[in-house]
Amino acid sequence: MVEHVVQQLGIAEIGWMSRYLERKPTRHVHRAEIQAHYGYRDFSEPP
């Protein structure tokens, strides 16, 4: 699946992806930044 998305986005090098999740808080920090930027809410939050 990742390979398919990489191909669609035209990303040539994906070696860095394995290092991305080495620091566990990174994914949560980035999720929160994206959520705040686009105004997304958790499904558990009331409307």
C-alpha atoms as a PDB file:
ATOM      1  CA  MET A   1       0.000   0.000   0.000  1.00  0.00           C
ATOM      2  CA  VAL A   2       2.759   2.466   0.888  1.00  0.00           C
ATOM      3  CA  GLU A   3       4.463   1.730  -2.419  1.00  0.00           C
ATOM      4  CA  HIS A   4       1.253   2.622  -4.255  1.00  0.00           C
ATOM      5  CA  VAL A   5       0.922   5.971  -2.484  1.00  0.00           C
ATOM      6  CA  VAL A   6       4.624   6.725  -3.028  1.00  0.00           C
ATOM      7  CA  GLN A   7       4.178   6.063  -6.728  1.00  0.00           C
ATOM      8  CA  GLN A   8       1.077   8.278  -6.908  1.00  0.00           C
ATOM      9  CA  LEU A   9       2.900  11.127  -5.181  1.00  0.00           C
ATOM     10  CA  GLY A  10       6.003  10.706  -7.310  1.00  0.00           C
ATOM     11  CA  ILE A  11       8.342  10.267  -4.352  1.00  0.00           C
ATOM     12  CA  ALA A  12      11.670   8.847  -5.521  1.00  0.00           C
ATOM     13  CA  GLU A  13      13.337   7.975  -2.209  1.00  0.00           C
ATOM     14  CA  ILE A  14      11.500   6.330   0.689  1.00  0.00           C
ATOM     15  CA  GLY A  15      14.444   5.152   2.808  1.00  0.00           C
ATOM     16  CA  TRP A  16      13.676   7.833   5.378  1.00  0.00           C
ATOM     17  CA  MET A  17      10.241   6.350   6.079  1.00  0.00           C
ATOM     18  CA  SER A  18      11.604   3.543   8.238  1.00  0.00           C
ATOM     19  CA  ARG A  19      13.261   6.144  10.467  1.00  0.00           C
ATOM     20  CA  TYR A  20      10.124   8.279  10.686  1.00  0.00           C
ATOM     21  CA  LEU A  21       8.437   6.073  13.272  1.00  0.00           C
ATOM     22  CA  GLU A  22      11.542   5.378  15.365  1.00  0.00           C
ATOM     23  CA  ARG A  23      10.574   8.237  17.666  1.00  0.00           C
ATOM     24  CA  LYS A  24       7.092   7.287  18.816  1.00  0.00           C
ATOM     25  CA  PRO A  25       5.833  10.788  19.730  1.00  0.00           C
ATOM     26  CA  THR A  26       6.581  12.047  16.204  1.00  0.00           C
ATOM     27  CA  ARG A  27       3.472  10.514  14.667  1.00  0.00           C
ATOM     28  CA  HIS A  28       1.283  11.971  17.428  1.00  0.00           C
ATOM     29  CA  VAL A  29       2.817  15.432  17.134  1.00  0.00           C
ATOM     30  CA  HIS A  30       2.344  15.448  13.362  1.00  0.00           C
ATOM     31  CA  ARG A  31      -1.208  14.140  13.680  1.00  0.00           C
ATOM     32  CA  ALA A  32      -2.047  16.942  16.094  1.00  0.00           C
ATOM     33  CA  GLU A  33      -0.474  19.557  13.810  1.00  0.00           C
ATOM     34  CA  ILE A  34      -2.440  18.321  10.789  1.00  0.00           C
ATOM     35  CA  GLN A  35      -5.627  18.112  12.853  1.00  0.00           C
ATOM     36  CA  ALA A  36      -5.225  21.683  14.108  1.00  0.00           C
ATOM     37  CA  HIS A  37      -4.242  23.084  10.713  1.00  0.00           C
ATOM     38  CA  TYR A  38      -7.248  21.626   8.885  1.00  0.00           C
ATOM     39  CA  GLY A  39      -9.714  21.873  11.779  1.00  0.00           C
ATOM     40  CA  TYR A  40     -10.274  18.116  11.985  1.00  0.00           C
ATOM     41  CA  ARG A  41     -11.904  16.684  15.097  1.00  0.00           C
ATOM     42  CA  ASP A  42     -11.722  13.241  16.665  1.00  0.00           C
ATOM     43  CA  PHE A  43     -14.721  11.031  15.968  1.00  0.00           C
ATOM     44  CA  SER A  44     -15.270  10.774  19.710  1.00  0.00           C
ATOM     45  CA  GLU A  45     -15.759  14.556  20.040  1.00  0.00           C
ATOM     46  CA  PRO A  46     -19.348  15.755  20.021  1.00  0.00           C
ATOM     47  CA  PRO A  47     -20.296  17.994  17.065  1.00  0.00           C
END
